[in-house]
Amino acid sequence: MKKQSAKRSRASGPLRQKRRRSLINLIGGLLLVAAGALIALLFARNTPWLWDWYEVYQQRLQQLEDYLIDLPQRPEMVKFVIPPIVLLLYALKSVVPFFPISMMCFITGAVLPMTTSFAVNIAGVVLLVSIKYWWGRRLGGGQTQKLLKLHPTVRAFLENESKSKPWLLFMFRLVPVFPVNPVSQTYGAMTFDFIDYTLISLLGFLPRLIAYPYLGGNVFDPLSNSFLVPLIIIFTLSGVSVVGINMAVAKRQKET
């Protein structure tokens, strides 16, 4: 009985990996479909029926925008209320990853001045990646293999790639398909230099830290080039990256 259950377990492993790769490919495909839909919207936005609807919709957006525009005029909100709340949410994300970093960047870009939003998100990302890093360092390397078993995509790149771990860290941060917390904890368990780890992580996150606050700042004019074009670029790059990384992982797993 034990031999049969072991055989079933080994057989189910490749099946789970195949399903996971299919799901990731589906996500990448949906991102590319979304980019295509936005391109179509970009060319169709001058149609009369769309602008009739947009004028009604924009009146509601204008009411919200008028309120949010007043926030930078309230120093107590900008300095003492919103940034601490955002940092608290980043800290909570290190424990319960209930929202993506891109959402936080988008929201802060909508409610805060651009420079303040950028600074707050930089501080939040440093806080986020530091908490899990030091947690992994505290647990030690014995936890690394257990952690990587739960995330085979990360494991497929880290195994036998000790010389390129700095570049891998940059890729892990740049491509949104890789989970933030497990990567942070793994690099902490490997006792990777903390300063290098933080700087490389920030460089990898930088495109999102710039693009999404910019989108948030233009959210009240969603048919403008300033909103649609960056969103198309983000969806296209994300979709291509997700599918490309998934194919690379499948190839690496076949080789091993």
Protein backbone atom coordinates (compact mmCIF):
# COMPACT_ATOMS: atom_id res chain seq x y z
CA MET A 1 0.00 0.00 0.00
CA LYS A 2 2.83 2.36 0.88
CA LYS A 3 4.53 1.69 -2.46
CA GLN A 4 1.29 2.38 -4.35
CA SER A 5 0.70 5.65 -2.49
CA ALA A 6 4.30 6.70 -3.17
CA LYS A 7 3.85 5.96 -6.88
CA ARG A 8 0.62 7.98 -6.95
CA SER A 9 2.38 10.84 -5.18
CA ARG A 10 5.22 10.84 -7.70
CA ALA A 11 2.75 10.67 -10.58
CA SER A 12 0.66 13.51 -9.21
CA GLY A 13 3.72 15.79 -8.97
CA PRO A 14 4.15 16.32 -12.75
CA LEU A 15 0.37 16.63 -13.10
CA ARG A 16 0.26 19.44 -10.53
CA GLN A 17 3.16 21.16 -12.24
CA LYS A 18 1.39 20.90 -15.60
CA ARG A 19 -1.80 22.38 -14.14
CA ARG A 20 0.18 25.17 -12.50
CA ARG A 21 1.94 26.00 -15.77
CA SER A 22 -1.40 25.99 -17.59
CA LEU A 23 -2.85 28.37 -15.02
CA ILE A 24 0.14 30.72 -15.30
CA ASN A 25 -0.11 30.65 -19.11
CA LEU A 26 -3.80 31.49 -18.77
CA ILE A 27 -2.96 34.48 -16.58
CA GLY A 28 -0.36 35.67 -19.06
CA GLY A 29 -2.82 35.21 -21.91
CA LEU A 30 -5.50 37.19 -20.09
CA LEU A 31 -3.03 40.04 -19.54
CA LEU A 32 -2.28 40.11 -23.27
CA VAL A 33 -6.00 39.99 -24.08
CA ALA A 34 -6.54 42.94 -21.72
CA ALA A 35 -3.77 44.83 -23.51
CA GLY A 36 -5.44 44.10 -26.85
CA ALA A 37 -8.80 45.30 -25.51
CA LEU A 38 -7.21 48.55 -24.34
CA ILE A 39 -5.61 49.06 -27.75
CA ALA A 40 -9.04 48.61 -29.34
CA LEU A 41 -10.47 51.11 -26.85
CA LEU A 42 -7.69 53.54 -27.72
CA PHE A 43 -8.75 53.53 -31.36
CA ALA A 44 -12.50 53.44 -30.64
CA ARG A 45 -12.59 56.23 -28.07
CA ASN A 46 -13.65 58.89 -30.59
CA THR A 47 -16.93 57.17 -31.42
CA PRO A 48 -19.97 59.31 -30.48
CA TRP A 49 -21.74 56.69 -28.34
CA LEU A 50 -18.63 56.12 -26.25
CA TRP A 51 -18.19 59.85 -25.56
CA ASP A 52 -21.87 60.22 -24.64
CA TRP A 53 -21.39 57.54 -21.99
CA TYR A 54 -18.03 58.97 -20.94
CA GLU A 55 -19.41 62.45 -20.28
CA VAL A 56 -21.92 61.04 -17.79
CA TYR A 57 -19.24 58.86 -16.19
CA GLN A 58 -16.78 61.72 -15.99
CA GLN A 59 -19.20 63.84 -13.97
CA ARG A 60 -19.05 61.23 -11.21
CA LEU A 61 -15.28 61.06 -11.48
CA GLN A 62 -15.08 64.82 -11.21
CA GLN A 63 -16.83 64.77 -7.85
CA LEU A 64 -14.33 62.26 -6.49
CA GLU A 65 -11.41 64.11 -8.03
CA ASP A 66 -12.50 67.40 -6.43
CA TYR A 67 -12.38 65.75 -3.04
CA LEU A 68 -9.01 64.09 -3.61
CA ILE A 69 -7.46 67.25 -5.02
CA ASP A 70 -8.12 68.87 -1.65
CA LEU A 71 -6.08 66.23 0.19
CA PRO A 72 -2.67 67.74 -0.68
CA GLN A 73 -4.02 71.02 0.71
CA ARG A 74 -4.51 69.30 4.05
CA PRO A 75 -0.99 68.88 5.43
CA GLU A 76 -2.20 66.86 8.39
CA MET A 77 -3.68 64.23 6.02
CA VAL A 78 -0.59 64.01 3.81
CA LYS A 79 1.93 63.95 6.65
CA PHE A 80 0.24 62.24 9.56
CA VAL A 81 -2.61 60.07 8.30
CA ILE A 82 -2.22 58.60 4.81
CA PRO A 83 1.53 57.66 4.81
CA PRO A 84 1.39 55.78 8.14
CA ILE A 85 -1.69 53.88 6.95
CA VAL A 86 0.08 52.93 3.71
CA LEU A 87 3.19 51.78 5.60
CA LEU A 88 1.02 49.73 7.94
CA LEU A 89 -0.61 48.03 4.96
CA TYR A 90 2.83 47.19 3.52
CA ALA A 91 3.84 45.69 6.88
CA LEU A 92 0.62 43.65 6.97
CA LYS A 93 1.32 42.41 3.45
CA SER A 94 4.47 40.71 4.76
CA VAL A 95 2.18 38.56 6.92
CA VAL A 96 -0.99 38.32 4.81
CA PRO A 97 -0.43 39.07 1.09
CA PHE A 98 -3.99 40.24 0.47
CA PHE A 99 -3.26 42.90 -2.18
CA PRO A 100 -0.59 43.47 -4.84
CA ILE A 101 2.06 46.19 -4.60
CA SER A 102 0.77 47.68 -7.85
CA MET A 103 -2.59 48.39 -6.16
CA MET A 104 -0.91 50.29 -3.33
CA CYS A 105 1.13 52.33 -5.80
CA PHE A 106 -1.97 53.08 -7.86
CA ILE A 107 -4.01 54.23 -4.86
CA THR A 108 -1.25 56.43 -3.41
CA GLY A 109 -0.74 58.00 -6.84
CA ALA A 110 -4.43 58.91 -6.89
CA VAL A 111 -4.59 60.46 -3.41
CA LEU A 112 -1.10 61.88 -2.86
CA PRO A 113 1.23 64.21 -4.76
CA MET A 114 3.54 62.25 -7.08
CA THR A 115 6.77 62.86 -5.14
CA THR A 116 5.12 61.98 -1.82
CA SER A 117 3.54 58.87 -3.33
CA PHE A 118 6.90 57.72 -4.71
CA ALA A 119 8.67 58.25 -1.37
CA VAL A 120 5.95 56.46 0.62
CA ASN A 121 5.95 53.46 -1.72
CA ILE A 122 9.75 53.23 -1.64
CA ALA A 123 9.64 53.17 2.17
CA GLY A 124 6.78 50.65 2.09
CA VAL A 125 8.58 48.26 -0.24
CA VAL A 126 11.75 48.44 1.89
CA LEU A 127 9.66 47.65 4.97
CA LEU A 128 7.89 44.79 3.19
CA VAL A 129 10.98 43.02 1.86
CA SER A 130 12.95 43.61 5.09
CA ILE A 131 10.44 41.95 7.41
CA LYS A 132 10.41 38.66 5.53
CA TYR A 133 14.17 38.82 4.90
CA TRP A 134 14.98 39.03 8.61
CA TRP A 135 12.35 36.43 9.38
CA GLY A 136 14.06 34.04 6.96
CA ARG A 137 17.45 34.89 8.40
CA ARG A 138 16.17 34.15 11.91
CA LEU A 139 14.79 30.76 10.86
CA GLY A 140 18.02 29.84 9.10
CA GLY A 141 18.83 27.82 6.01
CA GLY A 142 17.05 24.71 7.29
CA GLN A 143 13.73 26.28 6.31
CA THR A 144 14.81 27.16 2.77
CA GLN A 145 14.08 23.79 1.16
CA LYS A 146 10.73 23.50 2.91
CA LEU A 147 9.80 26.96 1.64
CA LEU A 148 10.96 26.26 -1.91
CA LYS A 149 8.89 23.07 -2.08
CA LEU A 150 5.81 25.26 -1.77
CA HIS A 151 6.99 27.46 -4.65
CA PRO A 152 8.45 25.28 -7.41
CA THR A 153 8.69 28.19 -9.84
CA VAL A 154 11.14 29.97 -7.56
CA ARG A 155 12.96 26.74 -6.76
CA ALA A 156 13.46 25.91 -10.45
CA PHE A 157 15.54 29.07 -10.88
CA LEU A 158 17.40 29.04 -7.56
CA GLU A 159 18.64 25.47 -7.72
CA ASN A 160 22.19 25.20 -9.12
CA GLU A 161 22.30 28.96 -9.80
CA SER A 162 24.41 30.19 -6.87
CA LYS A 163 26.57 32.50 -8.98
CA SER A 164 23.63 34.35 -10.50
CA LYS A 165 21.48 34.86 -7.40
CA PRO A 166 21.80 38.70 -7.56
CA TRP A 167 20.47 38.68 -11.13
CA LEU A 168 17.81 36.18 -10.17
CA LEU A 169 16.70 38.44 -7.33
CA PHE A 170 16.31 41.32 -9.81
CA MET A 171 14.21 39.08 -12.08
CA PHE A 172 12.10 37.86 -9.15
CA ARG A 173 11.27 41.47 -8.28
CA LEU A 174 10.77 42.65 -11.86
CA VAL A 175 8.33 39.92 -12.98
CA PRO A 176 5.03 40.02 -11.03
CA VAL A 177 4.46 36.25 -11.27
CA PHE A 178 7.00 35.59 -8.51
CA PRO A 179 5.63 35.91 -4.94
CA VAL A 180 7.28 38.64 -2.87
CA ASN A 181 7.29 37.06 0.59
CA PRO A 182 8.74 33.61 -0.21
CA VAL A 183 11.56 35.17 -2.26
CA SER A 184 12.35 37.58 0.59
CA GLN A 185 12.38 34.81 3.18
CA THR A 186 14.52 32.57 0.98
CA TYR A 187 17.18 35.23 0.45
CA GLY A 188 17.19 35.91 4.17
CA ALA A 189 17.68 32.22 4.92
CA MET A 190 20.58 32.19 2.45
CA THR A 191 22.16 35.11 4.42
CA PHE A 192 22.36 37.17 1.24
CA ASP A 193 23.90 40.58 1.99
CA PHE A 194 21.06 42.79 3.24
CA ILE A 195 22.21 46.05 1.59
CA ASP A 196 22.64 44.38 -1.80
CA TYR A 197 19.36 42.56 -1.33
CA THR A 198 17.48 45.80 -0.58
CA LEU A 199 19.02 47.78 -3.47
CA ILE A 200 18.46 45.00 -6.03
CA SER A 201 14.89 44.55 -4.82
CA LEU A 202 14.18 48.26 -5.21
CA LEU A 203 15.65 48.26 -8.73
CA GLY A 204 13.39 45.36 -9.68
CA PHE A 205 10.31 47.02 -8.24
CA LEU A 206 11.17 50.44 -9.69
CA PRO A 207 9.10 50.15 -12.91
CA ARG A 208 5.97 49.45 -10.84
CA LEU A 209 6.83 52.14 -8.31
CA ILE A 210 6.96 54.68 -11.14
CA ALA A 211 4.25 53.46 -13.53
CA TYR A 212 1.37 52.73 -11.18
CA PRO A 213 1.42 56.03 -9.23
CA TYR A 214 1.48 57.77 -12.62
CA LEU A 215 -1.59 55.78 -13.64
CA GLY A 216 -3.24 56.64 -10.34
CA GLY A 217 -2.61 60.32 -10.98
CA ASN A 218 -4.42 60.05 -14.34
CA VAL A 219 -7.22 57.75 -13.22
CA PHE A 220 -9.80 60.54 -13.48
CA ASP A 221 -9.31 60.72 -17.23
CA PRO A 222 -9.27 57.01 -18.16
CA LEU A 223 -9.65 57.59 -21.91
CA SER A 224 -6.59 59.80 -22.12
CA ASN A 225 -3.29 58.70 -23.69
CA SER A 226 -1.62 59.34 -20.32
CA PHE A 227 -3.71 56.58 -18.77
CA LEU A 228 -4.28 54.08 -21.60
CA VAL A 229 -0.80 53.90 -23.13
CA PRO A 230 1.12 53.11 -19.88
CA LEU A 231 -1.57 50.57 -18.99
CA ILE A 232 -1.21 48.86 -22.38
CA ILE A 233 2.58 48.72 -21.91
CA ILE A 234 2.24 47.28 -18.40
CA PHE A 235 -0.23 44.58 -19.45
CA THR A 236 1.82 43.64 -22.51
CA LEU A 237 5.13 43.41 -20.65
CA SER A 238 3.52 41.53 -17.76
CA GLY A 239 1.81 39.05 -20.06
CA VAL A 240 4.95 38.39 -22.12
CA SER A 241 7.05 38.09 -18.94
CA VAL A 242 4.65 35.66 -17.28
CA VAL A 243 4.44 33.38 -20.34
CA GLY A 244 8.19 33.64 -21.03
CA ILE A 245 9.17 32.82 -17.45
CA ASN A 246 6.71 29.93 -17.38
CA MET A 247 8.24 28.48 -20.55
CA ALA A 248 11.74 28.89 -19.11
CA VAL A 249 10.71 27.09 -15.91
CA ALA A 250 9.20 24.20 -17.90
CA LYS A 251 12.39 23.89 -19.97
CA ARG A 252 14.60 23.96 -16.86
CA GLN A 253 12.50 21.29 -15.15
CA LYS A 254 12.76 19.02 -18.21
CA GLU A 255 16.54 19.43 -18.25
CA THR A 256 16.78 18.43 -14.60
